[in-house]
Amino acid sequence: MSEPSILPYPKIPSIDSVPELSDRLVYVIDGYPLDGISILIFFKDGKFGVRFGDWDGNLIDPPKADVDNKVGPLMSLMINAKIPQAQFYFSENGKLVDIRTSLNTMTGPGMVRDLCEKILDTQTIISVKILDEDLLKEINNMEYVILKHSSFKVIIRDNEMLPLYAISRSENGQE
């Protein structure tokens, strides 16, 4: 059996292109850089394996700080929660923003927070609300946020898995 592949972080579409989020409970997340590293940890042949990648799914050399500060706590979490394999996505600012537990399954924002906030810096959840006109007006007055469905869902468009997430505007303020 070969080692599992590093999977890319799903591209987050703009809020206008995800009507499926309307009238759903969403996490309003403080915007984070849309690039970073991922750490894939898996259990194989009675041992743990670790692979590092970028958000495009390419293998990279592991940054020493990440090996020292992240791998140990994540392995302990996986042993205690009986998780055989997971890929952890960290944004450039070092925050854990998502966890992929299989090819098309990622944990929801609340699960990321609940599992990991005591051991790692996680994404900042501003609020959890129904996405309606009032929330859209509120978002327009905010700097830059990411909306994530309360339980992780995906949509398939043109044979590509997209998270049921949306971004209010790009990191540099562009729509």
Protein backbone atom coordinates (compact mmCIF):
# COMPACT_ATOMS: atom_id res chain seq x y z
CA MET A 1 0.00 0.00 0.00
CA SER A 2 1.43 3.37 -0.98
CA GLU A 3 1.42 6.50 1.16
CA PRO A 4 -1.65 8.75 0.82
CA SER A 5 -1.39 11.81 -1.39
CA ILE A 6 -1.33 15.40 -0.22
CA LEU A 7 -4.67 16.84 -1.36
CA PRO A 8 -5.06 20.50 -2.35
CA TYR A 9 -7.09 22.88 -0.24
CA PRO A 10 -10.41 23.52 -2.00
CA LYS A 11 -10.69 26.90 -3.71
CA ILE A 12 -13.18 29.12 -1.89
CA PRO A 13 -15.63 30.79 -4.32
CA SER A 14 -16.99 34.31 -3.93
CA ILE A 15 -20.15 34.79 -1.91
CA ASP A 16 -22.10 35.80 -5.03
CA SER A 17 -21.37 32.48 -6.71
CA VAL A 18 -22.68 30.26 -3.90
CA PRO A 19 -26.45 30.76 -3.66
CA GLU A 20 -26.63 27.40 -1.87
CA LEU A 21 -25.52 29.18 1.32
CA SER A 22 -28.62 31.39 1.48
CA ASP A 23 -30.85 30.77 4.46
CA ARG A 24 -28.38 28.30 5.98
CA LEU A 25 -26.58 28.46 9.28
CA VAL A 26 -23.03 29.64 8.59
CA TYR A 27 -19.93 30.36 10.59
CA VAL A 28 -18.61 33.85 9.96
CA ILE A 29 -14.84 33.41 10.14
CA ASP A 30 -12.23 36.15 10.36
CA GLY A 31 -10.55 36.15 6.95
CA TYR A 32 -7.27 34.28 6.67
CA PRO A 33 -4.61 34.07 3.96
CA LEU A 34 -5.70 31.63 1.26
CA ASP A 35 -2.38 29.87 1.11
CA GLY A 36 -0.31 27.93 3.57
CA ILE A 37 0.89 24.45 4.39
CA SER A 38 -0.86 21.19 5.08
CA ILE A 39 0.22 18.35 7.28
CA LEU A 40 -1.00 14.88 6.39
CA ILE A 41 -0.76 12.39 9.24
CA PHE A 42 -1.68 8.76 8.67
CA PHE A 43 -1.38 5.42 10.39
CA LYS A 44 0.18 2.66 8.27
CA ASP A 45 1.73 -0.69 9.15
CA GLY A 46 1.45 0.06 12.85
CA LYS A 47 3.30 3.37 12.57
CA PHE A 48 2.43 7.00 11.98
CA GLY A 49 3.54 8.67 8.77
CA VAL A 50 3.71 12.41 8.15
CA ARG A 51 3.81 14.33 4.87
CA PHE A 52 3.92 18.09 4.34
CA GLY A 53 2.43 19.94 1.40
CA ASP A 54 1.39 23.31 0.11
CA TRP A 55 -2.25 24.21 -0.53
CA ASP A 56 -1.90 23.18 -4.17
CA GLY A 57 -1.23 19.58 -3.14
CA ASN A 58 2.53 19.58 -3.76
CA LEU A 59 4.92 17.88 -1.37
CA ILE A 60 7.28 20.28 0.43
CA ASP A 61 10.14 19.98 2.87
CA PRO A 62 8.76 20.25 6.38
CA PRO A 63 9.37 23.57 8.14
CA LYS A 64 11.20 22.74 11.39
CA ALA A 65 8.89 24.91 13.51
CA ASP A 66 5.86 23.03 12.23
CA VAL A 67 7.45 19.66 12.92
CA ASP A 68 8.36 20.75 16.44
CA ASN A 69 5.15 22.57 17.35
CA LYS A 70 2.32 20.91 15.41
CA VAL A 71 2.98 17.26 14.58
CA GLY A 72 3.20 15.98 18.16
CA PRO A 73 -0.03 17.57 19.39
CA LEU A 74 -1.87 16.48 16.22
CA MET A 75 -0.66 12.87 16.58
CA SER A 76 -1.83 12.84 20.20
CA LEU A 77 -5.21 14.19 19.13
CA MET A 78 -5.52 11.52 16.42
CA ILE A 79 -4.61 8.71 18.84
CA ASN A 80 -7.11 9.92 21.46
CA ALA A 81 -9.91 10.51 18.91
CA LYS A 82 -9.08 7.31 17.00
CA ILE A 83 -8.63 9.16 13.72
CA PRO A 84 -6.60 6.97 11.32
CA GLN A 85 -5.78 9.68 8.80
CA ALA A 86 -6.24 13.44 8.54
CA GLN A 87 -4.83 16.36 6.59
CA PHE A 88 -4.56 19.60 8.55
CA TYR A 89 -4.56 22.92 6.67
CA PHE A 90 -2.71 25.86 8.21
CA SER A 91 -2.94 29.32 6.64
CA GLU A 92 0.18 31.45 6.14
CA ASN A 93 -0.58 33.16 9.45
CA GLY A 94 -0.11 29.79 11.19
CA LYS A 95 -3.75 29.22 12.12
CA LEU A 96 -5.37 25.83 11.65
CA VAL A 97 -8.31 26.52 9.34
CA ASP A 98 -9.54 23.10 8.17
CA ILE A 99 -9.17 19.37 8.64
CA ARG A 100 -9.79 16.84 5.85
CA THR A 101 -10.56 13.35 7.11
CA SER A 102 -11.13 11.68 3.72
CA LEU A 103 -11.14 12.48 0.03
CA ASN A 104 -14.35 14.51 0.16
CA THR A 105 -14.96 15.03 3.88
CA MET A 106 -13.74 17.96 5.90
CA THR A 107 -14.70 18.78 9.45
CA GLY A 108 -16.88 21.78 10.17
CA PRO A 109 -15.47 24.96 11.72
CA GLY A 110 -16.88 24.13 15.15
CA MET A 111 -15.16 20.75 15.12
CA VAL A 112 -11.83 22.36 14.19
CA ARG A 113 -12.24 24.72 17.12
CA ASP A 114 -13.49 22.12 19.58
CA LEU A 115 -10.79 19.57 18.78
CA CYS A 116 -7.81 21.84 18.40
CA GLU A 117 -8.13 25.26 20.04
CA LYS A 118 -6.45 24.10 23.24
CA ILE A 119 -3.41 22.72 21.40
CA LEU A 120 -3.05 25.03 18.36
CA ASP A 121 -4.03 28.47 17.12
CA THR A 122 -7.27 28.03 15.14
CA GLN A 123 -9.33 30.23 12.83
CA THR A 124 -11.28 32.97 14.59
CA ILE A 125 -15.04 32.42 14.59
CA ILE A 126 -16.82 35.78 14.73
CA SER A 127 -20.38 34.43 14.90
CA VAL A 128 -22.74 31.68 13.79
CA LYS A 129 -25.83 33.01 12.01
CA ILE A 130 -28.37 32.33 9.30
CA LEU A 131 -27.15 33.79 5.99
CA ASP A 132 -29.89 36.28 5.14
CA GLU A 133 -30.09 39.89 3.97
CA ASP A 134 -29.26 41.22 7.45
CA LEU A 135 -26.08 39.16 7.64
CA LEU A 136 -25.11 40.15 4.10
CA LYS A 137 -25.41 43.83 5.10
CA GLU A 138 -23.35 43.15 8.22
CA ILE A 139 -20.68 41.35 6.17
CA ASN A 140 -20.43 44.26 3.74
CA ASN A 141 -19.32 46.45 6.67
CA MET A 142 -16.61 44.00 7.71
CA GLU A 143 -13.02 43.91 6.50
CA TYR A 144 -12.75 40.40 5.04
CA VAL A 145 -14.56 37.28 6.20
CA ILE A 146 -15.08 33.71 5.08
CA LEU A 147 -18.43 32.00 5.46
CA LYS A 148 -18.51 28.28 6.18
CA HIS A 149 -21.62 26.14 6.37
CA SER A 150 -22.23 24.94 9.91
CA SER A 151 -21.72 21.31 8.94
CA PHE A 152 -19.21 20.76 6.18
CA LYS A 153 -20.93 20.25 2.85
CA VAL A 154 -19.49 20.17 -0.63
CA ILE A 155 -20.93 20.98 -4.01
CA ILE A 156 -19.64 19.58 -7.27
CA ARG A 157 -19.25 21.96 -10.21
CA ASP A 158 -17.53 20.95 -13.44
CA ASN A 159 -16.22 17.78 -11.78
CA GLU A 160 -14.49 19.82 -9.06
CA MET A 161 -15.28 19.55 -5.37
CA LEU A 162 -15.93 22.95 -3.84
CA PRO A 163 -16.57 23.52 -0.16
CA LEU A 164 -19.90 25.10 0.67
CA TYR A 165 -17.90 28.13 1.77
CA ALA A 166 -17.83 31.66 0.38
CA ILE A 167 -15.51 34.61 0.65
CA SER A 168 -16.80 38.16 1.09
CA ARG A 169 -13.98 39.68 -0.96
CA SER A 170 -10.45 38.77 -1.79
CA GLU A 171 -7.66 39.18 0.73
CA ASN A 172 -6.59 42.43 -0.90
CA GLY A 173 -10.09 43.94 -0.74
CA GLN A 174 -11.18 43.19 -4.32
CA GLU A 175 -14.62 41.72 -5.04
